[in-house]
N, C-alpha and C. Protein backbone atom coordinates (compact mmCIF):
# COMPACT_ATOMS: atom_id res chain seq x y z
N MET A 1 42.05 -22.42 -0.93
CA MET A 1 40.66 -22.61 -1.54
C MET A 1 40.40 -21.16 -2.70
N VAL A 2 39.62 -21.93 -3.66
CA VAL A 2 38.88 -21.31 -4.43
C VAL A 2 37.76 -20.34 -4.22
N TRP A 3 37.71 -19.20 -4.66
CA TRP A 3 36.64 -17.98 -4.19
C TRP A 3 36.02 -17.98 -5.48
N HIS A 4 34.60 -17.94 -5.73
CA HIS A 4 33.60 -17.41 -6.58
C HIS A 4 33.07 -16.12 -6.18
N VAL A 5 33.28 -15.05 -6.76
CA VAL A 5 33.22 -13.69 -6.52
C VAL A 5 32.01 -13.56 -7.18
N VAL A 6 31.01 -13.17 -7.00
CA VAL A 6 29.94 -12.44 -7.37
C VAL A 6 29.21 -10.99 -7.13
N LEU A 7 29.29 -9.77 -7.71
CA LEU A 7 29.03 -8.86 -7.38
C LEU A 7 27.82 -8.21 -8.35
N MET A 8 26.82 -8.39 -7.81
CA MET A 8 25.39 -7.86 -8.38
C MET A 8 24.42 -6.70 -8.46
N LYS A 9 23.67 -6.38 -9.16
CA LYS A 9 22.75 -5.37 -8.98
C LYS A 9 21.24 -5.98 -9.69
N PRO A 10 20.38 -6.19 -8.95
CA PRO A 10 19.55 -6.79 -9.08
C PRO A 10 18.59 -5.71 -10.14
N ARG A 11 17.72 -6.10 -11.19
CA ARG A 11 17.12 -5.24 -12.07
C ARG A 11 15.93 -4.45 -11.20
N ALA A 12 15.27 -3.63 -11.43
CA ALA A 12 14.79 -2.43 -10.50
C ALA A 12 13.27 -2.80 -10.50
N ASP A 13 12.87 -3.51 -11.77
CA ASP A 13 11.65 -4.12 -12.33
C ASP A 13 11.57 -5.41 -11.73
N LEU A 14 12.60 -6.36 -10.78
CA LEU A 14 12.33 -7.49 -10.68
C LEU A 14 11.25 -7.79 -9.93
N SER A 15 10.44 -8.38 -10.16
CA SER A 15 9.24 -8.54 -9.31
C SER A 15 9.49 -9.67 -8.30
N ALA A 16 8.54 -9.57 -7.04
CA ALA A 16 9.10 -10.60 -6.13
C ALA A 16 8.76 -12.23 -6.34
N THR A 17 7.96 -12.68 -7.41
CA THR A 17 7.75 -13.80 -7.50
C THR A 17 9.29 -14.25 -8.59
N GLU A 18 9.77 -13.41 -9.22
CA GLU A 18 11.15 -13.37 -9.95
C GLU A 18 12.52 -13.47 -8.93
N ARG A 19 12.25 -12.42 -8.01
CA ARG A 19 13.39 -12.45 -6.91
C ARG A 19 13.37 -13.89 -6.31
N GLN A 20 12.24 -14.50 -6.07
CA GLN A 20 12.14 -15.35 -4.56
C GLN A 20 12.55 -16.64 -5.77
N ALA A 21 12.50 -16.87 -7.14
CA ALA A 21 13.05 -18.00 -7.73
C ALA A 21 14.47 -17.91 -8.21
N VAL A 22 15.11 -17.10 -8.30
CA VAL A 22 16.08 -16.84 -8.33
C VAL A 22 17.19 -17.36 -6.98
N LEU A 23 16.07 -16.61 -5.70
CA LEU A 23 16.80 -17.27 -4.38
C LEU A 23 16.73 -18.66 -4.23
N ASP A 24 15.90 -19.34 -4.69
CA ASP A 24 15.14 -20.72 -4.47
C ASP A 24 16.22 -22.01 -5.32
N ALA A 25 16.41 -21.04 -6.63
CA ALA A 25 17.40 -21.65 -7.60
C ALA A 25 18.86 -21.74 -7.15
N PHE A 26 19.30 -20.71 -6.11
CA PHE A 26 20.68 -20.49 -5.61
C PHE A 26 20.60 -21.61 -4.25
N ASP A 27 19.49 -21.19 -3.50
CA ASP A 27 19.57 -22.50 -2.25
C ASP A 27 19.76 -23.89 -3.01
N ARG A 28 18.90 -23.99 -4.11
CA ARG A 28 19.00 -25.34 -4.30
C ARG A 28 20.39 -26.01 -4.86
N ALA A 29 21.06 -24.69 -6.03
CA ALA A 29 22.77 -24.82 -6.28
C ALA A 29 23.66 -25.87 -4.86
N VAL A 30 23.79 -24.65 -4.35
CA VAL A 30 24.59 -24.43 -3.06
C VAL A 30 24.22 -25.55 -2.02
N ARG A 31 23.12 -26.40 -1.99
CA ARG A 31 22.75 -27.13 -1.25
C ARG A 31 23.21 -28.94 -1.95
N GLU A 32 22.82 -28.85 -3.34
CA GLU A 32 23.12 -29.89 -4.10
C GLU A 32 24.06 -30.36 -4.85
N ILE A 33 24.99 -29.40 -5.05
CA ILE A 33 26.28 -29.73 -5.71
C ILE A 33 26.91 -29.33 -4.17
N PRO A 34 27.69 -30.74 -4.42
CA PRO A 34 28.74 -31.46 -2.93
C PRO A 34 29.99 -30.82 -2.41
N THR A 35 30.55 -30.09 -3.87
CA THR A 35 31.80 -29.42 -3.50
C THR A 35 31.68 -27.95 -3.31
N VAL A 36 30.64 -27.65 -3.05
CA VAL A 36 30.70 -26.24 -2.23
C VAL A 36 30.96 -26.38 -1.08
N ARG A 37 31.74 -25.23 -0.54
CA ARG A 37 32.30 -25.66 1.17
C ARG A 37 32.08 -24.39 1.99
N ASP A 38 31.64 -22.92 1.08
CA ASP A 38 31.51 -21.99 2.32
C ASP A 38 30.58 -21.23 1.41
N VAL A 39 29.47 -20.73 1.67
CA VAL A 39 28.32 -19.39 1.30
C VAL A 39 28.43 -18.29 2.10
N ARG A 40 28.72 -16.90 1.47
CA ARG A 40 28.20 -15.80 2.37
C ARG A 40 27.64 -14.82 0.88
N ILE A 41 26.49 -14.22 1.84
CA ILE A 41 25.76 -13.21 0.96
C ILE A 41 26.18 -11.84 1.75
N GLY A 42 26.02 -10.74 0.77
CA GLY A 42 26.03 -9.38 1.68
C GLY A 42 25.45 -8.45 1.17
N ARG A 43 25.32 -7.46 1.68
CA ARG A 43 24.70 -6.23 1.07
C ARG A 43 25.18 -5.16 1.20
N ARG A 44 25.48 -3.82 0.22
CA ARG A 44 26.72 -3.14 0.08
C ARG A 44 26.27 -2.21 1.05
N VAL A 45 27.00 -1.65 1.77
CA VAL A 45 26.61 -0.23 3.02
C VAL A 45 27.47 0.76 2.13
N THR A 46 26.98 1.76 2.10
CA THR A 46 27.65 3.47 2.33
C THR A 46 27.99 3.92 3.71
N HIS A 47 28.60 4.47 3.88
CA HIS A 47 28.99 4.97 4.52
C HIS A 47 29.67 6.65 4.85
N GLY A 48 29.62 7.21 3.73
CA GLY A 48 30.54 8.34 3.44
C GLY A 48 31.97 8.38 2.92
N ALA A 49 32.52 7.35 3.01
CA ALA A 49 34.19 7.24 2.64
C ALA A 49 34.10 8.04 1.27
N ALA A 50 35.32 8.39 1.37
CA ALA A 50 35.97 8.83 -0.36
C ALA A 50 35.63 8.37 -1.12
N TYR A 51 36.27 7.11 -1.37
CA TYR A 51 35.72 6.44 -2.42
C TYR A 51 34.43 5.90 -2.63
N GLU A 52 33.75 5.55 -2.09
CA GLU A 52 32.29 5.70 -2.39
C GLU A 52 31.58 6.78 -3.80
N ALA A 53 32.10 8.08 -3.63
CA ALA A 53 32.06 8.87 -4.44
C ALA A 53 32.44 8.37 -6.17
N GLY A 54 33.61 7.84 -6.25
CA GLY A 54 34.19 7.36 -7.23
C GLY A 54 33.77 6.26 -8.19
N ALA A 55 33.09 5.29 -7.02
CA ALA A 55 32.58 3.79 -7.26
C ALA A 55 31.69 3.96 -8.29
N LEU A 56 31.57 2.91 -9.14
CA LEU A 56 30.71 2.43 -10.08
C LEU A 56 29.00 2.00 -9.44
N ASP A 57 28.24 2.52 -9.78
CA ASP A 57 27.16 2.10 -9.17
C ASP A 57 26.52 0.89 -9.71
N SER A 58 27.26 -0.53 -9.61
CA SER A 58 26.78 -1.85 -10.41
C SER A 58 26.88 -2.99 -9.39
N ALA A 59 26.92 -2.49 -7.71
CA ALA A 59 26.61 -3.79 -7.33
C ALA A 59 25.96 -3.51 -5.93
N ASP A 60 24.87 -4.24 -5.67
CA ASP A 60 24.08 -3.83 -4.42
C ASP A 60 24.51 -4.98 -3.37
N PHE A 61 24.55 -5.79 -3.93
CA PHE A 61 24.77 -7.56 -3.02
C PHE A 61 26.29 -8.02 -3.52
N ILE A 62 26.75 -8.89 -2.80
CA ILE A 62 28.16 -9.53 -3.15
C ILE A 62 27.76 -11.27 -2.61
N VAL A 63 27.64 -11.78 -3.17
CA VAL A 63 28.04 -13.14 -2.99
C VAL A 63 29.17 -14.14 -3.05
N THR A 64 29.70 -14.98 -2.41
CA THR A 64 31.05 -15.44 -2.09
C THR A 64 30.85 -17.02 -2.10
N ILE A 65 31.42 -18.31 -2.89
CA ILE A 65 31.11 -19.14 -2.28
C ILE A 65 32.35 -20.07 -2.70
N GLY A 66 32.77 -20.54 -1.80
CA GLY A 66 34.07 -21.30 -1.54
C GLY A 66 34.01 -22.72 -1.73
N PHE A 67 35.27 -23.12 -2.72
CA PHE A 67 35.63 -24.45 -3.07
C PHE A 67 36.94 -24.98 -2.47
N GLU A 68 36.96 -26.32 -2.62
CA GLU A 68 38.70 -26.83 -1.83
C GLU A 68 39.46 -26.34 -2.90
N ASP A 69 38.98 -26.57 -4.25
CA ASP A 69 40.19 -26.02 -5.49
C ASP A 69 39.43 -25.54 -6.67
N LEU A 70 40.10 -25.59 -7.36
CA LEU A 70 39.88 -25.36 -8.98
C LEU A 70 38.62 -26.58 -9.59
N ALA A 71 38.74 -27.56 -9.45
CA ALA A 71 38.24 -28.81 -10.08
C ALA A 71 36.86 -28.46 -9.28
N GLY A 72 36.40 -28.66 -8.01
CA GLY A 72 35.31 -28.27 -7.20
C GLY A 72 34.59 -26.65 -7.45
N LEU A 73 35.28 -26.13 -8.10
CA LEU A 73 34.64 -24.84 -9.11
C LEU A 73 33.81 -25.06 -10.17
N GLN A 74 35.03 -26.00 -10.91
CA GLN A 74 34.45 -26.38 -12.06
C GLN A 74 33.19 -27.29 -12.11
N THR A 75 33.20 -28.25 -11.06
CA THR A 75 32.17 -29.15 -10.90
C THR A 75 30.85 -28.40 -10.48
N TYR A 76 31.31 -27.37 -10.08
CA TYR A 76 29.77 -26.63 -9.53
C TYR A 76 29.31 -25.98 -10.71
N LEU A 77 30.36 -25.11 -11.75
CA LEU A 77 29.86 -24.61 -12.80
C LEU A 77 29.13 -25.25 -13.69
N ARG A 78 29.35 -26.92 -13.64
CA ARG A 78 28.83 -27.44 -15.08
C ARG A 78 27.65 -28.38 -14.39
N HIS A 79 27.49 -28.20 -13.01
CA HIS A 79 26.61 -28.59 -12.56
C HIS A 79 24.93 -28.48 -12.89
N PRO A 80 23.89 -29.32 -13.45
CA PRO A 80 22.58 -28.85 -13.88
C PRO A 80 21.78 -27.51 -12.61
N ALA A 81 22.14 -27.95 -11.56
CA ALA A 81 21.23 -27.09 -10.70
C ALA A 81 21.87 -25.16 -10.93
N HIS A 82 23.43 -25.66 -11.50
CA HIS A 82 24.31 -24.40 -11.38
C HIS A 82 23.65 -23.40 -13.07
N GLU A 83 23.25 -24.64 -13.48
CA GLU A 83 23.07 -24.31 -14.94
C GLU A 83 21.57 -23.32 -14.78
N ASP A 84 20.60 -24.39 -14.45
CA ASP A 84 19.03 -23.26 -13.86
C ASP A 84 19.30 -21.61 -12.99
N LEU A 85 20.38 -21.88 -12.42
CA LEU A 85 20.61 -20.84 -11.63
C LEU A 85 21.42 -20.04 -12.29
N GLY A 86 21.96 -19.93 -13.48
CA GLY A 86 22.42 -18.91 -14.07
C GLY A 86 21.70 -18.21 -15.34
N ALA A 87 20.87 -19.21 -15.76
CA ALA A 87 19.86 -18.89 -16.82
C ALA A 87 18.77 -17.34 -15.85
N ARG A 88 18.57 -18.48 -14.65
CA ARG A 88 17.55 -17.05 -13.82
C ARG A 88 18.16 -15.98 -13.43
N PHE A 89 19.42 -16.53 -12.91
CA PHE A 89 20.53 -14.83 -12.86
C PHE A 89 20.71 -13.98 -13.28
N TYR A 90 21.07 -14.59 -14.98
CA TYR A 90 21.18 -13.22 -15.84
C TYR A 90 19.84 -12.66 -16.33
N ARG A 91 18.96 -13.35 -16.02
CA ARG A 91 17.78 -12.68 -16.55
C ARG A 91 17.41 -11.57 -15.30
N SER A 92 17.66 -11.95 -14.01
CA SER A 92 17.44 -10.67 -12.96
C SER A 92 18.14 -9.74 -12.67
N VAL A 93 18.81 -9.34 -13.00
CA VAL A 93 20.16 -8.32 -13.01
C VAL A 93 20.40 -7.74 -13.63
N SER A 94 21.09 -6.03 -13.45
CA SER A 94 21.14 -5.07 -14.35
C SER A 94 22.39 -4.97 -14.57
N SER A 95 23.21 -5.53 -14.06
CA SER A 95 24.90 -5.46 -13.73
C SER A 95 25.26 -6.49 -12.78
N ALA A 96 26.60 -7.27 -13.29
CA ALA A 96 27.17 -8.54 -12.53
C ALA A 96 28.32 -8.64 -13.06
N LEU A 97 29.20 -8.78 -11.93
CA LEU A 97 30.80 -8.95 -11.87
C LEU A 97 31.28 -10.27 -11.43
N ILE A 98 31.61 -10.87 -12.15
CA ILE A 98 32.16 -12.73 -11.56
C ILE A 98 33.60 -12.84 -11.56
N TYR A 99 33.97 -12.94 -10.07
CA TYR A 99 35.54 -13.31 -10.54
C TYR A 99 35.84 -14.26 -9.81
N ASP A 100 36.64 -15.06 -10.12
CA ASP A 100 36.90 -16.55 -9.32
C ASP A 100 38.36 -16.32 -8.47
N PHE A 101 38.92 -16.10 -7.45
CA PHE A 101 39.95 -16.17 -6.73
C PHE A 101 40.59 -17.46 -6.33
N GLU A 102 42.03 -17.67 -6.36
CA GLU A 102 43.06 -18.37 -5.19
C GLU A 102 42.90 -18.06 -3.84
N VAL A 103 42.50 -17.98 -3.05
CA VAL A 103 43.05 -17.44 -1.79
C VAL A 103 43.78 -18.54 -0.83
N ARG A 104 45.00 -17.87 -0.56
CA ARG A 104 45.78 -19.01 0.42
C ARG A 104 45.21 -18.61 2.35
N ASP A 105 46.23 -19.22 2.51
CA ASP A 105 45.88 -18.81 4.28
C ASP A 105 47.07 -18.25 5.04
N ASP A 106 48.08 -18.43 4.05
CA ASP A 106 49.46 -17.40 4.46
C ASP A 106 49.40 -16.61 3.87
N VAL A 107 49.58 -15.15 4.50
CA VAL A 107 49.65 -14.00 3.85
C VAL A 107 50.95 -13.92 2.69
N ALA A 108 52.33 -14.57 3.22
CA ALA A 108 53.42 -14.09 2.83
C ALA A 108 53.40 -15.03 1.44
N GLY A 109 52.51 -15.91 1.09
CA GLY A 109 52.66 -16.73 0.08
C GLY A 109 52.38 -16.30 -1.06
């Protein structure tokens, strides 16, 4: 599988209306684009671990979207629903890191 991983921090001044518009665009994209296989969303937790002191404060949320293969990810990225999401997303965040990973089921591979 290929995972599209997004770490993000929303703008501090993001209005409730703007936040909802991004969420609606995201919901539309993952429902309308047929190559999406899995979606996970999470909020950062802190619990006093030593590594937290040195971590950049650049992400409050993670979104991971899974695809069967690279072609599925590319279909997602080129879809009009993703283009709308991307435009809203970049206006809504103060920082974002976006990476794509090929993940195998076998650990040794």
